[in-house]
Amino acid sequence: MSEREAASHLPVLVDEVAFLLRPRGGGWVVDGTVGMGGHAERILETTGEDVRLLGIDADAEAIARAARRLARFGARVSLARGSFRDLGAHAEAAGVGEARAILLDLGLSSYQLDESGRGFSFLREEPLDMRFDATRGHTAAELLAGAPEPELARLLRDYGDEPHARRIARRLVERRRRAPIRTTGDLVDAVKAAVPRAAWPRRTHVATRTFQALRMAVNAEPEALEAALPAAAGLLAPGGRLGVIAFHSGEDRIVKRAFRALLAAGFVQLDPAPLGPGRAEVAGNPRARSAKLRVLERAEAA
């Protein structure tokens, strides 16, 4: 990976992840959302030759960039293209019998936001695609073209915590009757028209929650997370750790609910409160401000 590519991706809470999830002995680490390879690189840098890493990502370009970034680690790295929904299958195919650590970083990479051209960001005019795997499933434009108004409102409320979900859904349906909603600019204009100017957030863009909700719906992210968490727990070796970085309350609710069930099954939460970025990290990477890292450890065998 070039220096430019590495610099363009700032992994969130990388020091905390490396400290809490790097195996103290040998074994496998599974990064279920390897992205640009930032967390994986730090874990491999801080461990010995007896630690191997399996990186999974649905985005083909992310896998290619992670391969370049991690090439210097040679056979210690295996990469697989696919969803962390199928974590168990990917682990089995790679020969991972059990893992010493598993990470799920639920955020977007800087590449996806800034360079992919798939409409993840409201800051540039792009087609409304939003798929992680651009070869499968329906695009965001297709979802907006066909979803009934109540369904759009539900998605915005449940996946985006959008307080103006009904207003925005109504405006989207009105807008698509006149012309298809095909680009990020079309979507931003509809959201701005739906939300009264006095109600626009002060610290974030008025369309932030809408873009988040549509991306999650297009990629079925909540369903994938609900499937991945118990699978990850089952893959952990005794004493192994599972870390999840969530970026908004909907994701974090799923993680907290799954972690409560695992606590009842003998897992231990390392800290009852999630870890967040410090001021210095937020200053250098404002996208990190909402990140929350939760970590569970599987109890050692008796």
Protein backbone atom coordinates (compact mmCIF):
# COMPACT_ATOMS: atom_id res chain seq x y z
CA MET A 1 0.00 0.00 0.00
CA SER A 2 1.23 3.47 -0.83
CA GLU A 3 1.92 6.04 1.87
CA ARG A 4 -0.98 8.08 0.50
CA GLU A 5 -3.42 5.20 0.85
CA ALA A 6 -2.28 4.43 4.40
CA ALA A 7 -2.50 8.06 5.42
CA SER A 8 -6.02 8.36 3.99
CA HIS A 9 -7.35 5.77 6.41
CA LEU A 10 -7.15 6.52 10.10
CA PRO A 11 -8.32 3.47 12.07
CA VAL A 12 -10.46 4.43 15.05
CA LEU A 13 -9.28 3.56 18.57
CA VAL A 14 -6.33 1.69 17.09
CA ASP A 15 -4.20 1.81 20.25
CA GLU A 16 -7.07 0.55 22.40
CA VAL A 17 -7.82 -2.25 19.95
CA ALA A 18 -4.18 -3.34 19.76
CA PHE A 19 -3.81 -3.33 23.55
CA LEU A 20 -7.06 -5.15 24.34
CA LEU A 21 -7.26 -7.61 21.44
CA ARG A 22 -3.71 -8.64 20.59
CA PRO A 23 -3.17 -12.24 21.74
CA ARG A 24 -0.64 -12.65 24.52
CA GLY A 25 0.18 -16.06 23.10
CA GLY A 26 -0.04 -17.34 19.54
CA GLY A 27 -3.14 -18.09 17.53
CA TRP A 28 -5.62 -16.51 15.15
CA VAL A 29 -7.04 -13.01 15.13
CA VAL A 30 -10.14 -12.47 12.98
CA ASP A 31 -10.85 -8.96 11.71
CA GLY A 32 -14.39 -9.28 10.39
CA THR A 33 -14.32 -5.80 8.85
CA VAL A 34 -10.72 -5.50 7.72
CA GLY A 35 -11.38 -2.41 5.57
CA MET A 36 -8.11 -0.68 4.73
CA GLY A 37 -6.20 -2.92 7.15
CA GLY A 38 -5.34 -0.32 9.80
CA HIS A 39 -6.37 -2.29 12.88
CA ALA A 40 -4.97 -5.51 11.39
CA GLU A 41 -1.63 -3.85 10.70
CA ARG A 42 -1.27 -2.58 14.26
CA ILE A 43 -2.18 -5.95 15.77
CA LEU A 44 0.35 -7.74 13.55
CA GLU A 45 3.02 -5.15 14.35
CA THR A 46 2.58 -5.69 18.09
CA THR A 47 2.55 -9.50 18.04
CA GLY A 48 4.97 -12.25 17.10
CA GLU A 49 5.23 -14.67 14.21
CA ASP A 50 2.94 -17.10 16.02
CA VAL A 51 -0.06 -14.79 15.54
CA ARG A 52 -1.96 -15.03 12.26
CA LEU A 53 -4.80 -12.86 11.01
CA LEU A 54 -7.88 -13.54 8.92
CA GLY A 55 -9.34 -10.36 7.42
CA ILE A 56 -12.86 -10.32 5.96
CA ASP A 57 -14.59 -7.59 3.98
CA ALA A 58 -17.46 -7.40 1.49
CA ASP A 59 -15.82 -4.59 -0.46
CA ALA A 60 -13.48 -5.89 -3.18
CA GLU A 61 -11.46 -2.66 -3.28
CA ALA A 62 -11.02 -2.77 0.51
CA ILE A 63 -9.65 -6.30 0.26
CA ALA A 64 -7.23 -5.20 -2.48
CA ARG A 65 -5.99 -2.26 -0.43
CA ALA A 66 -5.69 -4.33 2.74
CA ALA A 67 -3.66 -6.90 0.78
CA ARG A 68 -1.19 -4.22 -0.24
CA ARG A 69 -0.98 -2.77 3.25
CA LEU A 70 -0.46 -6.15 4.90
CA ALA A 71 1.76 -7.74 2.24
CA ARG A 72 4.89 -7.38 4.39
CA PHE A 73 3.45 -9.86 6.91
CA GLY A 74 3.43 -12.62 4.31
CA ALA A 75 1.82 -15.92 5.28
CA ARG A 76 0.64 -14.51 8.60
CA VAL A 77 -2.29 -12.91 6.72
CA SER A 78 -5.28 -14.51 5.00
CA LEU A 79 -7.99 -12.37 3.37
CA ALA A 80 -11.52 -13.33 2.37
CA ARG A 81 -14.15 -11.36 0.50
CA GLY A 82 -17.60 -11.58 2.04
CA SER A 83 -19.86 -10.46 4.86
CA PHE A 84 -19.09 -10.95 8.53
CA ARG A 85 -22.60 -12.42 8.60
CA ASP A 86 -20.83 -15.59 7.39
CA LEU A 87 -18.00 -15.35 9.90
CA GLY A 88 -18.05 -19.05 10.76
CA ALA A 89 -17.89 -20.17 7.14
CA HIS A 90 -14.99 -17.83 6.34
CA ALA A 91 -13.11 -19.01 9.44
CA GLU A 92 -13.61 -22.67 8.52
CA ALA A 93 -12.43 -22.07 4.95
CA ALA A 94 -9.26 -20.40 6.27
CA GLY A 95 -8.55 -23.21 8.73
CA VAL A 96 -9.37 -21.17 11.83
CA GLY A 97 -10.48 -23.70 14.43
CA GLU A 98 -10.70 -21.10 17.18
CA ALA A 99 -9.70 -17.45 17.50
CA ARG A 100 -7.80 -15.65 20.21
CA ALA A 101 -9.40 -12.34 19.26
CA ILE A 102 -12.15 -11.09 16.95
CA LEU A 103 -12.80 -7.49 15.91
CA LEU A 104 -15.83 -5.94 14.21
CA ASP A 105 -15.41 -2.26 13.29
CA LEU A 106 -18.83 -1.12 12.09
CA GLY A 107 -17.72 2.18 10.59
CA LEU A 108 -17.03 3.15 7.00
CA SER A 109 -13.49 3.49 5.74
CA SER A 110 -12.18 6.81 4.47
CA TYR A 111 -11.86 5.22 1.03
CA GLN A 112 -15.57 4.34 0.95
CA LEU A 113 -16.55 7.87 1.96
CA ASP A 114 -14.06 9.83 -0.12
CA GLU A 115 -13.11 7.74 -3.14
CA SER A 116 -15.49 4.86 -3.86
CA GLY A 117 -17.99 6.90 -5.90
CA ARG A 118 -20.88 4.87 -4.46
CA GLY A 119 -22.77 7.64 -2.70
CA PHE A 120 -21.81 7.00 0.92
CA SER A 121 -21.12 10.69 1.54
CA PHE A 122 -23.40 13.70 1.20
CA LEU A 123 -20.37 15.93 0.54
CA ARG A 124 -20.02 15.08 -3.17
CA GLU A 125 -22.33 14.40 -6.09
CA GLU A 126 -22.39 10.65 -6.78
CA PRO A 127 -24.85 7.93 -7.82
CA LEU A 128 -26.85 6.53 -4.90
CA ASP A 129 -25.43 3.02 -4.73
CA MET A 130 -24.23 2.52 -1.11
CA ARG A 131 -23.56 -1.22 -1.50
CA PHE A 132 -20.42 -2.58 0.13
CA ASP A 133 -20.41 -5.36 -2.46
CA ALA A 134 -21.18 -3.55 -5.69
CA THR A 135 -22.04 -6.82 -7.46
CA ARG A 136 -24.94 -7.87 -5.24
CA GLY A 137 -28.27 -6.59 -3.99
CA HIS A 138 -30.29 -3.44 -4.59
CA THR A 139 -28.83 0.05 -4.63
CA ALA A 140 -30.02 2.90 -2.41
CA ALA A 141 -31.62 4.51 -5.47
CA GLU A 142 -33.61 1.33 -6.09
CA LEU A 143 -34.67 1.17 -2.45
CA LEU A 144 -35.84 4.80 -2.57
CA ALA A 145 -37.73 4.13 -5.79
CA GLY A 146 -39.77 1.25 -4.44
CA ALA A 147 -40.11 1.32 -0.65
CA PRO A 148 -43.53 2.42 0.67
CA GLU A 149 -43.62 5.59 2.76
CA PRO A 150 -44.20 3.76 6.11
CA GLU A 151 -41.21 1.50 5.41
CA LEU A 152 -38.97 4.45 4.59
CA ALA A 153 -40.03 6.15 7.83
CA ARG A 154 -39.30 2.97 9.80
CA LEU A 155 -35.83 2.61 8.30
CA LEU A 156 -34.97 6.24 9.03
CA ARG A 157 -36.23 5.92 12.60
CA ASP A 158 -34.79 2.50 13.46
CA TYR A 159 -31.47 2.69 11.61
CA GLY A 160 -30.81 6.42 11.75
CA ASP A 161 -32.51 7.53 14.96
CA GLU A 162 -33.90 10.30 12.76
CA PRO A 163 -36.42 12.45 14.70
CA HIS A 164 -37.95 13.75 11.45
CA ALA A 165 -38.31 10.29 9.86
CA ARG A 166 -41.97 10.70 8.87
CA ARG A 167 -41.41 14.15 7.35
CA ILE A 168 -38.42 12.95 5.34
CA ALA A 169 -40.19 9.78 4.16
CA ARG A 170 -43.18 11.85 3.01
CA ARG A 171 -40.90 14.23 1.10
CA LEU A 172 -38.99 11.37 -0.52
CA VAL A 173 -42.22 9.85 -1.82
CA GLU A 174 -43.43 13.23 -3.10
CA ARG A 175 -40.09 13.83 -4.77
CA ARG A 176 -39.93 10.47 -6.54
CA ARG A 177 -43.37 11.05 -8.07
CA ARG A 178 -41.83 13.95 -10.01
CA ALA A 179 -38.44 12.39 -10.81
CA PRO A 180 -36.28 9.48 -9.61
CA ILE A 181 -33.96 10.07 -6.65
CA ARG A 182 -30.72 8.94 -8.26
CA THR A 183 -27.87 10.95 -6.75
CA THR A 184 -26.58 12.10 -3.40
CA GLY A 185 -27.56 15.63 -4.34
CA ASP A 186 -31.15 14.55 -5.02
CA LEU A 187 -31.30 12.94 -1.58
CA VAL A 188 -29.73 15.89 0.24
CA ASP A 189 -32.16 18.30 -1.42
CA ALA A 190 -35.13 16.18 -0.35
CA VAL A 191 -33.95 15.99 3.27
CA LYS A 192 -33.27 19.72 3.44
CA ALA A 193 -36.75 20.42 2.10
CA ALA A 194 -38.35 18.07 4.63
CA VAL A 195 -36.70 19.31 7.83
CA PRO A 196 -37.47 22.85 9.00
CA ARG A 197 -34.34 25.01 8.91
CA ALA A 198 -34.59 25.79 12.61
CA ALA A 199 -34.48 22.05 13.39
CA TRP A 200 -31.24 21.31 11.51
CA PRO A 201 -28.54 19.88 13.81
CA ARG A 202 -25.78 22.29 14.79
CA ARG A 203 -22.85 19.87 14.80
CA THR A 204 -23.75 17.48 11.98
CA HIS A 205 -25.21 17.72 8.48
CA VAL A 206 -28.98 17.51 8.32
CA ALA A 207 -28.76 14.46 6.01
CA THR A 208 -26.26 12.48 8.12
CA ARG A 209 -28.85 10.21 9.75
CA THR A 210 -30.68 9.60 6.47
CA PHE A 211 -27.51 8.53 4.67
CA GLN A 212 -26.60 6.28 7.59
CA ALA A 213 -30.01 4.62 7.66
CA LEU A 214 -30.11 3.96 3.93
CA ARG A 215 -26.59 2.51 3.92
CA MET A 216 -27.51 0.16 6.76
CA ALA A 217 -30.71 -0.90 5.01
CA VAL A 218 -29.03 -1.48 1.64
CA ASN A 219 -26.37 -3.70 3.24
CA ALA A 220 -28.68 -5.35 5.81
CA GLU A 221 -26.16 -4.34 8.46
CA PRO A 222 -28.29 -4.88 11.59
CA GLU A 223 -29.23 -8.39 10.47
CA ALA A 224 -25.61 -9.20 9.66
CA LEU A 225 -24.47 -7.93 13.07
CA GLU A 226 -27.10 -9.95 14.91
CA ALA A 227 -25.94 -13.08 13.08
CA ALA A 228 -22.23 -12.36 13.50
CA LEU A 229 -22.08 -11.71 17.24
CA PRO A 230 -23.11 -15.20 18.46
CA ALA A 231 -21.02 -16.78 15.71
CA ALA A 232 -17.99 -14.77 16.85
CA ALA A 233 -18.56 -15.78 20.46
CA GLY A 234 -18.72 -19.43 19.46
CA LEU A 235 -15.45 -19.14 17.53
CA LEU A 236 -13.49 -17.69 20.45
CA ALA A 237 -10.97 -19.83 22.31
CA PRO A 238 -11.12 -19.84 26.13
CA GLY A 239 -9.61 -16.54 27.23
CA GLY A 240 -10.25 -15.06 23.77
CA ARG A 241 -11.69 -11.59 23.33
CA LEU A 242 -14.38 -10.10 21.13
CA GLY A 243 -14.28 -6.35 20.41
CA VAL A 244 -16.94 -4.34 18.58
CA ILE A 245 -16.68 -0.69 17.55
CA ALA A 246 -20.12 0.87 17.02
CA PHE A 247 -20.83 4.38 15.78
CA HIS A 248 -24.46 5.02 16.61
CA SER A 249 -27.07 4.00 19.12
CA GLY A 250 -28.87 1.48 16.89
CA GLU A 251 -25.75 -0.60 16.36
CA ASP A 252 -24.71 -0.19 19.98
CA ARG A 253 -28.11 -1.44 21.17
CA ILE A 254 -27.63 -4.65 19.18
CA VAL A 255 -24.15 -5.09 20.65
CA LYS A 256 -25.29 -4.42 24.22
CA ARG A 257 -28.18 -6.87 23.88
CA ALA A 258 -25.91 -9.61 22.52
CA PHE A 259 -23.26 -8.91 25.15
CA ARG A 260 -25.84 -9.20 27.97
CA ALA A 261 -26.77 -12.65 26.70
CA LEU A 262 -23.11 -13.66 26.55
CA LEU A 263 -22.47 -12.36 30.07
CA ALA A 264 -25.17 -14.71 31.28
CA ALA A 265 -23.34 -17.53 29.45
CA GLY A 266 -20.07 -16.99 31.30
CA PHE A 267 -18.34 -14.25 29.34
CA VAL A 268 -16.76 -11.30 31.14
CA GLN A 269 -17.00 -7.66 30.04
CA LEU A 270 -13.65 -5.96 30.44
CA ASP A 271 -15.15 -2.57 31.20
CA PRO A 272 -18.84 -1.89 31.91
CA ALA A 273 -18.64 1.42 30.06
CA PRO A 274 -17.62 1.56 26.37
CA LEU A 275 -14.29 3.11 25.47
CA GLY A 276 -14.36 6.20 23.28
CA PRO A 277 -11.72 8.29 21.53
CA GLY A 278 -9.80 10.98 23.39
CA ARG A 279 -9.74 14.63 22.42
CA ALA A 280 -6.50 14.28 20.48
CA GLU A 281 -7.90 11.48 18.31
CA VAL A 282 -11.12 13.37 17.59
CA ALA A 283 -9.10 16.46 16.70
CA GLY A 284 -7.07 14.45 14.19
CA ASN A 285 -10.00 12.38 12.95
CA PRO A 286 -13.42 13.99 13.56
CA ARG A 287 -15.16 10.88 12.18
CA ALA A 288 -14.03 9.03 15.32
CA ARG A 289 -16.08 11.18 17.69
CA SER A 290 -19.04 8.78 18.02
CA ALA A 291 -17.05 5.52 18.20
CA LYS A 292 -17.68 3.14 21.11
CA LEU A 293 -15.55 0.06 21.74
CA ARG A 294 -16.94 -2.78 23.84
CA VAL A 295 -14.90 -5.88 24.64
CA LEU A 296 -15.92 -9.26 26.06
CA GLU A 297 -13.64 -12.11 27.15
CA ARG A 298 -14.56 -15.77 27.08
CA ALA A 299 -13.89 -17.38 30.42
CA GLU A 300 -10.91 -19.69 30.65
CA ALA A 301 -11.78 -23.39 30.66
CA ALA A 302 -12.04 -24.82 34.14
